[in-house]
Amino acid sequence: MAPKIFIDGEHGTTGLQIRTRMAGRRDVELLSIPEAERRNAAIREDMLNSADIAILCLPDDASKEAVQMVSANNNVRVIDTSTAHRVDPSWAYGFAEMDKEQATKISSARFVANPGCYPTGAIGLMRPLRAAGILSDGYPVTVNAVSGYTGGGKQMIAQMEDQSRDDAISAPHFLYGLTLTHKHVPEMKIHGLLDRAPIFAPSVGKFAQGMIVQVPLHLDMLAAGTTLESIHAALTAHYAGQDIVTVVPLADSSKMARVDAIELAGKDTMKLFVFGTPGGSQVNLVALLDNLGKGASGAAVQNMDLMLAS
């Protein structure tokens, strides 16, 4: 019998993309609440407790409520795509490539917190350098990033795509999170193995899907003897043997004049780059991904597959 999957919040941006990724699969059975009963709490609770895996695509408070609905049922496993549980040590963090043990932790967990899109890029760049002893836990990290507007959910999508609205956004690019208290900062700090919170400067571009995350570093503030080449070698070694996160060879990145934020739109992979001048004093680490792919829906399906394989 195929395992039953229930997407709680299947009509939201993340939920819809999860359904799209699973539409042709015959190895799982998708449970769905009839359109007319979407707000029926009793049916929702029944669906949650009838599933083998429930994927929560909800705001934080609604996700916490859903977890309470299944807390007494030891057979239901949960993937939460909200920010509600990403720094909870009792939940497995759903970034399997983060370190060598993480895929096993995810596959055996009952509760898995799907990572945020920006943190996936930032942690993907920082954590290997922390593990290699290159980046100190007290380094004053800055993370600069731009995301496709679908990361803002249905309201921002409507503001970007329907210019007849009173609240339409006409700017091609804008900054936000200007108070430096973005909800992703604790996640970056904890799973990036940092002692101090990074300065995070997020922005949105007028493209639907795609993302660039940058972490610039001063070489003289890293471990003695660190070079552009040794940073690249550490990242390459960390991600060796898997194909979801890849490190672009230095010979290729050195010839690049630009990085296109939408290159991986529609894909569930991530590319990492190391930019700088050989013998120089600075490097710029760059992660390229789809904010709804490896940054959300794609990651949720990857985590589901790890859990089903256990």
Protein backbone atom coordinates (compact mmCIF):
# COMPACT_ATOMS: atom_id res chain seq x y z
CA MET A 1 0.00 0.00 0.00
CA ALA A 2 1.37 3.40 -0.97
CA PRO A 3 2.17 5.75 1.92
CA LYS A 4 -0.39 8.52 2.42
CA ILE A 5 0.74 12.13 2.15
CA PHE A 6 -1.39 15.06 3.30
CA ILE A 7 -0.39 18.61 2.33
CA ASP A 8 -1.98 20.90 4.91
CA GLY A 9 -2.20 24.20 3.05
CA GLU A 10 -2.10 22.66 -0.42
CA HIS A 11 -3.60 25.76 -2.06
CA GLY A 12 -0.81 28.10 -0.99
CA THR A 13 2.29 28.83 -3.07
CA THR A 14 4.50 26.18 -1.45
CA GLY A 15 1.73 23.59 -1.27
CA LEU A 16 0.81 24.00 -4.92
CA GLN A 17 4.40 23.48 -5.99
CA ILE A 18 4.69 20.36 -3.84
CA ARG A 19 1.57 18.98 -5.51
CA THR A 20 3.04 19.76 -8.93
CA ARG A 21 6.22 17.84 -8.08
CA MET A 22 4.20 14.84 -6.91
CA ALA A 23 1.53 14.86 -9.60
CA GLY A 24 2.97 12.02 -11.66
CA ARG A 25 4.07 9.81 -8.80
CA ARG A 26 2.44 6.44 -8.21
CA ASP A 27 4.47 5.46 -5.14
CA VAL A 28 2.48 7.73 -2.81
CA GLU A 29 -1.21 8.49 -2.24
CA LEU A 30 -2.10 12.16 -1.87
CA LEU A 31 -4.88 12.97 0.58
CA SER A 32 -6.84 16.14 -0.14
CA ILE A 33 -9.67 18.03 1.52
CA PRO A 34 -12.56 18.72 -0.89
CA GLU A 35 -12.69 22.37 -1.97
CA ALA A 36 -16.04 22.93 -0.25
CA GLU A 37 -14.65 21.61 3.06
CA ARG A 38 -11.35 23.48 3.17
CA ARG A 39 -12.28 25.25 6.41
CA ASN A 40 -13.73 22.17 8.11
CA ALA A 41 -11.48 21.68 11.16
CA ALA A 42 -12.74 18.15 11.85
CA ILE A 43 -11.93 16.96 8.33
CA ARG A 44 -8.53 18.63 8.51
CA GLU A 45 -7.72 16.88 11.77
CA ASP A 46 -8.86 13.55 10.33
CA MET A 47 -6.63 14.04 7.27
CA LEU A 48 -3.66 14.93 9.45
CA ASN A 49 -4.09 11.79 11.52
CA SER A 50 -4.77 9.55 8.51
CA ALA A 51 -1.48 10.43 6.81
CA ASP A 52 1.84 8.68 7.03
CA ILE A 53 3.51 12.05 6.43
CA ALA A 54 1.83 15.43 6.81
CA ILE A 55 3.51 18.36 5.05
CA LEU A 56 2.52 21.65 6.64
CA CYS A 57 2.43 24.65 4.29
CA LEU A 58 0.97 27.09 6.79
CA PRO A 59 1.78 30.23 8.79
CA ASP A 60 3.68 29.59 12.02
CA ASP A 61 0.71 29.59 14.40
CA ALA A 62 -1.35 27.31 12.16
CA SER A 63 1.61 24.91 11.89
CA LYS A 64 1.92 24.75 15.67
CA GLU A 65 -1.81 24.03 15.86
CA ALA A 66 -1.49 21.23 13.30
CA VAL A 67 1.38 19.64 15.24
CA GLN A 68 -0.80 19.61 18.34
CA MET A 69 -3.50 17.80 16.39
CA VAL A 70 -1.14 14.91 15.63
CA SER A 71 0.94 14.93 18.80
CA ALA A 72 -0.87 11.92 20.28
CA ASN A 73 -0.58 9.87 17.09
CA ASN A 74 2.83 8.26 16.99
CA ASN A 75 2.39 7.05 13.42
CA VAL A 76 2.11 10.45 11.75
CA ARG A 77 5.36 12.11 10.70
CA VAL A 78 5.51 15.83 9.97
CA ILE A 79 7.43 18.13 7.64
CA ASP A 80 6.85 21.77 8.56
CA THR A 81 7.68 24.38 5.91
CA SER A 82 7.01 27.33 8.24
CA THR A 83 9.60 29.01 10.49
CA ALA A 84 7.92 27.68 13.64
CA HIS A 85 10.30 24.81 14.39
CA ARG A 86 13.52 25.51 12.50
CA VAL A 87 15.59 26.24 15.61
CA ASP A 88 13.84 23.68 17.82
CA PRO A 89 16.46 21.06 18.80
CA SER A 90 13.77 18.36 19.00
CA TRP A 91 13.11 18.75 15.25
CA ALA A 92 15.49 17.53 12.56
CA TYR A 93 16.63 20.36 10.32
CA GLY A 94 15.71 19.42 6.76
CA PHE A 95 18.91 20.34 4.90
CA ALA A 96 20.30 16.89 4.14
CA GLU A 97 23.52 18.12 2.51
CA MET A 98 24.38 20.34 5.49
CA ASP A 99 26.68 17.70 6.94
CA LYS A 100 27.33 13.99 6.60
CA GLU A 101 24.91 12.94 9.35
CA GLN A 102 21.97 15.12 8.44
CA ALA A 103 20.32 12.84 5.87
CA THR A 104 20.24 10.05 8.46
CA LYS A 105 18.75 12.38 11.05
CA ILE A 106 16.02 13.40 8.62
CA SER A 107 15.25 9.86 7.51
CA SER A 108 14.76 8.65 11.08
CA ALA A 109 12.95 11.72 12.44
CA ARG A 110 9.29 12.06 13.21
CA PHE A 111 9.42 15.86 12.99
CA VAL A 112 11.39 17.65 10.26
CA ALA A 113 11.65 21.43 9.87
CA ASN A 114 12.04 22.43 6.24
CA PRO A 115 14.73 25.13 5.89
CA GLY A 116 14.09 28.65 4.75
CA CYS A 117 15.16 29.66 1.26
CA TYR A 118 17.71 32.31 2.25
CA PRO A 119 19.22 30.18 5.05
CA THR A 120 19.64 27.23 2.68
CA GLY A 121 22.03 29.32 0.61
CA ALA A 122 23.78 30.99 3.55
CA ILE A 123 24.20 27.83 5.62
CA GLY A 124 25.23 25.91 2.53
CA LEU A 125 28.13 28.34 2.15
CA MET A 126 29.09 28.88 5.80
CA ARG A 127 28.75 25.52 7.50
CA PRO A 128 31.43 23.69 5.48
CA LEU A 129 33.89 26.47 6.33
CA ARG A 130 32.98 26.25 10.01
CA ALA A 131 33.46 22.47 9.91
CA ALA A 132 36.86 22.88 8.22
CA GLY A 133 38.03 25.42 10.80
CA ILE A 134 38.31 28.17 8.18
CA LEU A 135 35.53 30.43 9.45
CA SER A 136 35.47 31.28 13.16
CA ASP A 137 32.21 31.20 15.09
CA GLY A 138 32.63 34.89 15.91
CA TYR A 139 33.26 36.14 12.38
CA PRO A 140 31.07 39.21 11.62
CA VAL A 141 29.16 37.54 8.78
CA THR A 142 27.04 39.53 6.35
CA VAL A 143 24.50 37.85 4.08
CA ASN A 144 23.18 39.77 1.07
CA ALA A 145 20.43 38.18 -1.00
CA VAL A 146 17.77 38.66 -3.63
CA SER A 147 14.74 36.41 -4.10
CA GLY A 148 12.02 35.97 -6.65
CA TYR A 149 8.76 37.54 -5.54
CA THR A 150 6.96 34.20 -5.09
CA GLY A 151 8.78 33.96 -1.77
CA GLY A 152 6.40 36.61 -0.47
CA GLY A 153 3.34 34.40 -0.96
CA LYS A 154 0.04 35.11 -2.67
CA GLN A 155 -0.25 38.74 -1.61
CA MET A 156 3.13 39.74 -3.03
CA ILE A 157 2.55 37.67 -6.16
CA ALA A 158 -0.67 39.61 -6.75
CA GLN A 159 1.05 42.92 -6.03
CA MET A 160 3.79 42.14 -8.54
CA GLU A 161 1.65 40.62 -11.28
CA ASP A 162 -1.53 42.74 -11.15
CA GLN A 163 -0.48 46.34 -11.71
CA SER A 164 -4.12 47.51 -11.55
CA ARG A 165 -4.18 46.97 -7.78
CA ASP A 166 -3.98 49.95 -5.45
CA ASP A 167 -1.09 48.25 -3.63
CA ALA A 168 0.72 47.12 -6.78
CA ILE A 169 4.52 47.02 -6.62
CA SER A 170 6.06 48.61 -9.69
CA ALA A 171 9.69 48.75 -8.53
CA PRO A 172 11.98 46.27 -10.33
CA HIS A 173 13.91 45.62 -7.12
CA PHE A 174 13.50 46.58 -3.47
CA LEU A 175 15.11 45.99 -0.08
CA TYR A 176 13.18 44.92 3.00
CA GLY A 177 13.96 43.64 6.49
CA LEU A 178 15.53 47.03 7.16
CA THR A 179 15.36 46.65 10.95
CA LEU A 180 17.82 43.71 10.69
CA THR A 181 15.41 41.43 12.57
CA HIS A 182 14.37 39.12 9.74
CA LYS A 183 12.81 35.82 10.87
CA HIS A 184 15.55 33.82 9.10
CA VAL A 185 18.42 35.26 11.17
CA PRO A 186 18.16 32.82 14.13
CA GLU A 187 18.13 29.90 11.68
CA MET A 188 21.26 31.17 9.93
CA LYS A 189 23.04 31.69 13.24
CA ILE A 190 22.23 28.33 14.80
CA HIS A 191 22.62 26.06 11.78
CA GLY A 192 25.50 28.14 10.43
CA LEU A 193 27.27 27.37 13.75
CA LEU A 194 27.83 31.05 14.50
CA ASP A 195 28.15 32.74 17.90
CA ARG A 196 26.97 36.11 16.62
CA ALA A 197 23.97 36.77 14.44
CA PRO A 198 24.83 37.64 10.84
CA ILE A 199 23.78 40.96 9.34
CA PHE A 200 21.16 39.94 6.80
CA ALA A 201 20.14 42.22 3.93
CA PRO A 202 17.32 40.59 1.90
CA SER A 203 15.73 42.00 -1.24
CA VAL A 204 13.15 41.06 -3.84
CA GLY A 205 13.46 41.31 -7.61
CA LYS A 206 10.71 41.46 -10.22
CA PHE A 207 11.14 37.85 -11.30
CA ALA A 208 8.95 35.01 -10.09
CA GLN A 209 11.40 32.32 -9.00
CA GLY A 210 15.11 32.23 -8.34
CA MET A 211 17.54 33.41 -5.69
CA ILE A 212 21.10 34.61 -5.15
CA VAL A 213 22.66 34.54 -1.67
CA GLN A 214 26.06 36.17 -1.10
CA VAL A 215 28.47 35.84 1.84
CA PRO A 216 31.54 38.09 1.31
CA LEU A 217 34.61 37.36 3.43
CA HIS A 218 37.97 38.97 4.24
CA LEU A 219 40.71 36.35 3.95
CA ASP A 220 42.86 37.93 6.67
CA MET A 221 40.02 37.41 9.17
CA LEU A 222 39.84 33.68 8.45
CA ALA A 223 42.15 30.87 9.57
CA ALA A 224 45.83 31.55 8.87
CA GLY A 225 46.83 30.70 5.33
CA THR A 226 43.30 30.65 3.93
CA THR A 227 43.09 31.37 0.22
CA LEU A 228 40.42 31.49 -2.42
CA GLU A 229 41.62 28.04 -3.50
CA SER A 230 41.48 26.51 -0.02
CA ILE A 231 37.93 27.80 0.51
CA HIS A 232 36.88 26.26 -2.79
CA ALA A 233 38.58 22.99 -1.86
CA ALA A 234 36.74 22.87 1.48
CA LEU A 235 33.37 23.40 -0.18
CA THR A 236 34.15 20.82 -2.88
CA ALA A 237 35.19 18.21 -0.33
CA HIS A 238 32.12 18.86 1.80
CA TYR A 239 29.67 18.26 -1.07
CA ALA A 240 31.57 15.46 -2.78
CA GLY A 241 29.54 12.41 -3.78
CA GLN A 242 26.11 14.01 -4.17
CA ASP A 243 24.45 15.97 -6.93
CA ILE A 244 21.85 18.22 -5.28
CA VAL A 245 24.40 20.81 -4.14
CA THR A 246 27.30 21.34 -6.53
CA VAL A 247 30.35 23.57 -6.34
CA VAL A 248 31.25 25.27 -9.62
CA PRO A 249 34.94 24.75 -10.54
CA LEU A 250 37.17 27.79 -10.07
CA ALA A 251 38.23 27.57 -13.70
CA ASP A 252 34.60 28.07 -14.71
CA SER A 253 33.65 30.75 -12.19
CA SER A 254 36.78 32.79 -13.00
CA LYS A 255 35.47 33.25 -16.55
CA MET A 256 32.00 34.41 -15.48
CA ALA A 257 30.95 38.04 -15.84
CA ARG A 258 27.58 37.65 -14.09
CA VAL A 259 25.34 35.29 -12.13
CA ASP A 260 21.71 35.07 -13.25
CA ALA A 261 19.23 34.75 -10.38
CA ILE A 262 16.73 32.76 -12.46
CA GLU A 263 19.16 30.14 -13.81
CA LEU A 264 17.83 27.41 -11.49
CA ALA A 265 14.16 28.45 -11.53
CA GLY A 266 12.03 25.32 -11.57
CA LYS A 267 14.88 23.11 -10.34
CA ASP A 268 15.51 21.59 -6.92
CA THR A 269 19.29 21.87 -6.90
CA MET A 270 21.74 24.51 -5.69
CA LYS A 271 25.02 25.80 -7.14
CA LEU A 272 27.80 27.32 -5.06
CA PHE A 273 30.47 29.67 -6.39
CA VAL A 274 33.70 31.13 -4.99
CA PHE A 275 34.58 34.45 -6.60
CA GLY A 276 37.68 36.55 -6.13
CA THR A 277 41.12 37.29 -7.48
CA PRO A 278 43.82 34.64 -6.89
CA GLY A 279 46.22 36.10 -4.36
CA GLY A 280 43.66 38.75 -3.40
CA SER A 281 42.43 39.66 0.07
CA GLN A 282 38.69 39.01 -0.32
CA VAL A 283 36.29 36.36 -1.59
CA ASN A 284 32.60 36.42 -2.35
CA LEU A 285 30.76 33.16 -1.75
CA VAL A 286 27.56 32.84 -3.78
CA ALA A 287 24.69 30.36 -3.65
CA LEU A 288 22.25 30.07 -6.54
CA LEU A 289 18.91 28.29 -6.10
CA ASP A 290 15.18 28.50 -6.71
CA ASN A 291 13.43 30.05 -3.70
CA LEU A 292 10.53 27.61 -4.24
CA GLY A 293 12.74 24.68 -5.29
CA LYS A 294 15.64 23.80 -3.01
CA GLY A 295 14.44 26.79 -1.00
CA ALA A 296 10.97 25.39 -0.19
CA SER A 297 8.81 22.88 -2.09
CA GLY A 298 11.64 20.94 -3.70
CA ALA A 299 13.37 20.56 -0.34
CA ALA A 300 10.13 19.33 1.25
CA VAL A 301 9.79 16.57 -1.35
CA GLN A 302 13.46 15.63 -0.90
CA ASN A 303 12.90 15.36 2.85
CA MET A 304 9.74 13.32 2.31
CA ASP A 305 11.66 10.87 0.12
CA LEU A 306 14.35 10.45 2.79
CA MET A 307 11.68 9.76 5.41
CA LEU A 308 9.85 7.26 3.17
CA ALA A 309 13.08 5.40 2.50
CA SER A 310 13.73 4.75 6.20
